Amino acid sequence: QVQLVESGGGLVQPGGSLRLSCAASGSIFSVMGWYRQAPGNERELVATITVGSRTNYADSVKGRFTISRDNAKNTVYLQMNSLKPEDTAVYYCNGNGLVWGKGTLVTVSS
């Protein structure tokens, strides 16, 4: 069974950091990514990474977020620094544009 399971979300103050993890099972994805959806908004791309570690970021997170992957563990990470209230959203892991995790909530608030 192909599955993506996210972890690491939570409540953090503005300016703080969080690291999200996404463990994949049942398949190795050539491209893995993080997307987010805030209340009332459409789901949007945050960052993607290929199996060769080529990365792509949304302009809104460049310089603050870093995506990485451990191919041996079939896991992708999202290090989020300098968090802002507008980063509040449910963050979803994606594999090859086809498989989605259930999401993890990130809340940035004082």
C-alpha atoms as a PDB file:
ATOM      1  CA  GLN A   1       0.000   0.000   0.000  1.00  0.00           C
ATOM      2  CA  VAL A   2       1.396   3.361  -1.038  1.00  0.00           C
ATOM      3  CA  GLN A   3       1.251   5.792   1.833  1.00  0.00           C
ATOM      4  CA  LEU A   4       2.616   9.163   2.935  1.00  0.00           C
ATOM      5  CA  VAL A   5       2.531  10.074   6.620  1.00  0.00           C
ATOM      6  CA  GLU A   6       3.357  13.579   7.804  1.00  0.00           C
ATOM      7  CA  SER A   7       4.486  14.609  11.275  1.00  0.00           C
ATOM      8  CA  GLY A   8       5.998  17.599  13.059  1.00  0.00           C
ATOM      9  CA  GLY A   9       3.247  20.192  12.910  1.00  0.00           C
ATOM     10  CA  GLY A  10       2.192  22.267  15.885  1.00  0.00           C
ATOM     11  CA  LEU A  11       1.895  25.714  17.390  1.00  0.00           C
ATOM     12  CA  VAL A  12       4.870  28.066  17.133  1.00  0.00           C
ATOM     13  CA  GLN A  13       5.386  31.766  17.773  1.00  0.00           C
ATOM     14  CA  PRO A  14       6.206  34.159  14.933  1.00  0.00           C
ATOM     15  CA  GLY A  15       9.898  33.984  14.156  1.00  0.00           C
ATOM     16  CA  GLY A  16      10.126  30.413  15.373  1.00  0.00           C
ATOM     17  CA  SER A  17      11.020  27.192  13.588  1.00  0.00           C
ATOM     18  CA  LEU A  18       9.490  23.797  12.921  1.00  0.00           C
ATOM     19  CA  ARG A  19      10.603  20.742  10.997  1.00  0.00           C
ATOM     20  CA  LEU A  20       8.062  18.616   9.182  1.00  0.00           C
ATOM     21  CA  SER A  21       8.710  15.029   8.160  1.00  0.00           C
ATOM     22  CA  CYS A  22       6.981  12.838   5.614  1.00  0.00           C
ATOM     23  CA  ALA A  23       7.624   9.109   5.606  1.00  0.00           C
ATOM     24  CA  ALA A  24       6.792   7.282   2.391  1.00  0.00           C
ATOM     25  CA  SER A  25       6.006   3.590   2.144  1.00  0.00           C
ATOM     26  CA  GLY A  26       5.083   1.301  -0.695  1.00  0.00           C
ATOM     27  CA  SER A  27       6.843   3.301  -3.383  1.00  0.00           C
ATOM     28  CA  ILE A  28       9.848   5.444  -4.136  1.00  0.00           C
ATOM     29  CA  PHE A  29       8.800   8.790  -5.568  1.00  0.00           C
ATOM     30  CA  SER A  30      11.025  10.578  -8.046  1.00  0.00           C
ATOM     31  CA  VAL A  31       9.555  13.899  -6.941  1.00  0.00           C
ATOM     32  CA  MET A  32       8.295  14.661  -3.467  1.00  0.00           C
ATOM     33  CA  GLY A  33       6.815  17.905  -2.338  1.00  0.00           C
ATOM     34  CA  TRP A  34       5.136  19.923   0.326  1.00  0.00           C
ATOM     35  CA  TYR A  35       1.932  21.844  -0.278  1.00  0.00           C
ATOM     36  CA  ARG A  36      -0.200  23.866   2.112  1.00  0.00           C
ATOM     37  CA  GLN A  37      -3.768  24.991   2.407  1.00  0.00           C
ATOM     38  CA  ALA A  38      -4.898  27.822   4.645  1.00  0.00           C
ATOM     39  CA  PRO A  39      -8.567  28.236   5.608  1.00  0.00           C
ATOM     40  CA  GLY A  40     -10.526  29.649   2.695  1.00  0.00           C
ATOM     41  CA  ASN A  41      -7.606  29.296   0.301  1.00  0.00           C
ATOM     42  CA  GLU A  42      -6.668  26.829  -2.386  1.00  0.00           C
ATOM     43  CA  ARG A  43      -3.889  24.330  -1.848  1.00  0.00           C
ATOM     44  CA  GLU A  44      -0.581  25.800  -2.971  1.00  0.00           C
ATOM     45  CA  LEU A  45       2.904  24.553  -3.676  1.00  0.00           C
ATOM     46  CA  VAL A  46       5.509  25.144  -0.980  1.00  0.00           C
ATOM     47  CA  ALA A  47       8.509  23.198  -2.247  1.00  0.00           C
ATOM     48  CA  THR A  48       9.495  20.137  -4.245  1.00  0.00           C
ATOM     49  CA  ILE A  49      12.584  17.963  -4.423  1.00  0.00           C
ATOM     50  CA  THR A  50      13.664  15.325  -6.916  1.00  0.00           C
ATOM     51  CA  VAL A  51      15.391  12.059  -6.090  1.00  0.00           C
ATOM     52  CA  GLY A  52      18.585  13.798  -7.209  1.00  0.00           C
ATOM     53  CA  SER A  53      17.901  16.621  -4.703  1.00  0.00           C
ATOM     54  CA  ARG A  54      17.001  19.303  -7.223  1.00  0.00           C
ATOM     55  CA  THR A  55      14.720  21.726  -5.372  1.00  0.00           C
ATOM     56  CA  ASN A  56      12.031  24.254  -6.205  1.00  0.00           C
ATOM     57  CA  TYR A  57      10.395  26.758  -3.837  1.00  0.00           C
ATOM     58  CA  ALA A  58       7.443  29.092  -3.802  1.00  0.00           C
ATOM     59  CA  ASP A  59       8.590  32.708  -3.746  1.00  0.00           C
ATOM     60  CA  SER A  60       6.831  33.222  -0.420  1.00  0.00           C
ATOM     61  CA  VAL A  61       9.105  30.743   1.387  1.00  0.00           C
ATOM     62  CA  LYS A  62      12.443  31.188  -0.395  1.00  0.00           C
ATOM     63  CA  GLY A  63      15.227  31.859   2.083  1.00  0.00           C
ATOM     64  CA  ARG A  64      13.122  30.675   5.033  1.00  0.00           C
ATOM     65  CA  PHE A  65      12.177  27.067   4.225  1.00  0.00           C
ATOM     66  CA  THR A  66      14.456  24.210   3.193  1.00  0.00           C
ATOM     67  CA  ILE A  67      13.274  20.931   1.694  1.00  0.00           C
ATOM     68  CA  SER A  68      15.475  17.859   1.899  1.00  0.00           C
ATOM     69  CA  ARG A  69      15.153  14.116   1.541  1.00  0.00           C
ATOM     70  CA  ASP A  70      16.778  10.976   2.831  1.00  0.00           C
ATOM     71  CA  ASN A  71      16.412   8.416   0.062  1.00  0.00           C
ATOM     72  CA  ALA A  72      17.611   5.588   2.290  1.00  0.00           C
ATOM     73  CA  LYS A  73      14.758   6.307   4.692  1.00  0.00           C
ATOM     74  CA  ASN A  74      12.319   7.284   1.933  1.00  0.00           C
ATOM     75  CA  THR A  75      11.566  10.420   3.903  1.00  0.00           C
ATOM     76  CA  VAL A  76      11.288  14.081   2.970  1.00  0.00           C
ATOM     77  CA  TYR A  77      11.681  16.982   5.369  1.00  0.00           C
ATOM     78  CA  LEU A  78      10.682  20.633   5.445  1.00  0.00           C
ATOM     79  CA  GLN A  79      12.711  22.871   7.737  1.00  0.00           C
ATOM     80  CA  MET A  80      10.734  26.037   8.336  1.00  0.00           C
ATOM     81  CA  ASN A  81      12.481  29.051   9.875  1.00  0.00           C
ATOM     82  CA  SER A  82      11.405  32.639  10.510  1.00  0.00           C
ATOM     83  CA  LEU A  83       7.796  31.530  10.521  1.00  0.00           C
ATOM     84  CA  LYS A  84       5.077  34.121   9.958  1.00  0.00           C
ATOM     85  CA  PRO A  85       1.372  34.062  10.848  1.00  0.00           C
ATOM     86  CA  GLU A  86       0.608  33.777   7.139  1.00  0.00           C
ATOM     87  CA  ASP A  87       2.412  30.420   7.102  1.00  0.00           C
ATOM     88  CA  THR A  88      -0.447  28.993   9.159  1.00  0.00           C
ATOM     89  CA  ALA A  89      -1.982  26.136   7.173  1.00  0.00           C
ATOM     90  CA  VAL A  90      -2.374  22.412   6.877  1.00  0.00           C
ATOM     91  CA  TYR A  91       0.785  21.114   5.231  1.00  0.00           C
ATOM     92  CA  TYR A  92       0.483  18.145   2.912  1.00  0.00           C
ATOM     93  CA  CYS A  93       3.141  15.814   1.576  1.00  0.00           C
ATOM     94  CA  ASN A  94       2.895  14.742  -2.047  1.00  0.00           C
ATOM     95  CA  GLY A  95       4.537  12.047  -4.119  1.00  0.00           C
ATOM     96  CA  ASN A  96       4.897  12.429  -7.888  1.00  0.00           C
ATOM     97  CA  GLY A  97       1.894  14.716  -7.977  1.00  0.00           C
ATOM     98  CA  LEU A  98      -0.375  11.744  -7.407  1.00  0.00           C
ATOM     99  CA  VAL A  99      -0.259  10.553  -3.799  1.00  0.00           C
ATOM    100  CA  TRP A 100      -1.172  12.738  -0.847  1.00  0.00           C
ATOM    101  CA  GLY A 101      -0.698  12.463   2.873  1.00  0.00           C
ATOM    102  CA  LYS A 102      -3.449  13.435   5.297  1.00  0.00           C
ATOM    103  CA  GLY A 103      -1.705  16.635   6.347  1.00  0.00           C
ATOM    104  CA  THR A 104      -0.299  18.191   9.491  1.00  0.00           C
ATOM    105  CA  LEU A 105      -1.440  21.511  10.955  1.00  0.00           C
ATOM    106  CA  VAL A 106       1.036  24.332  11.448  1.00  0.00           C
ATOM    107  CA  THR A 107      -0.169  27.310  13.454  1.00  0.00           C
ATOM    108  CA  VAL A 108       1.987  30.409  13.783  1.00  0.00           C
ATOM    109  CA  SER A 109       0.621  32.657  16.480  1.00  0.00           C
ATOM    110  CA  SER A 110       1.657  34.543  19.581  1.00  0.00           C
END
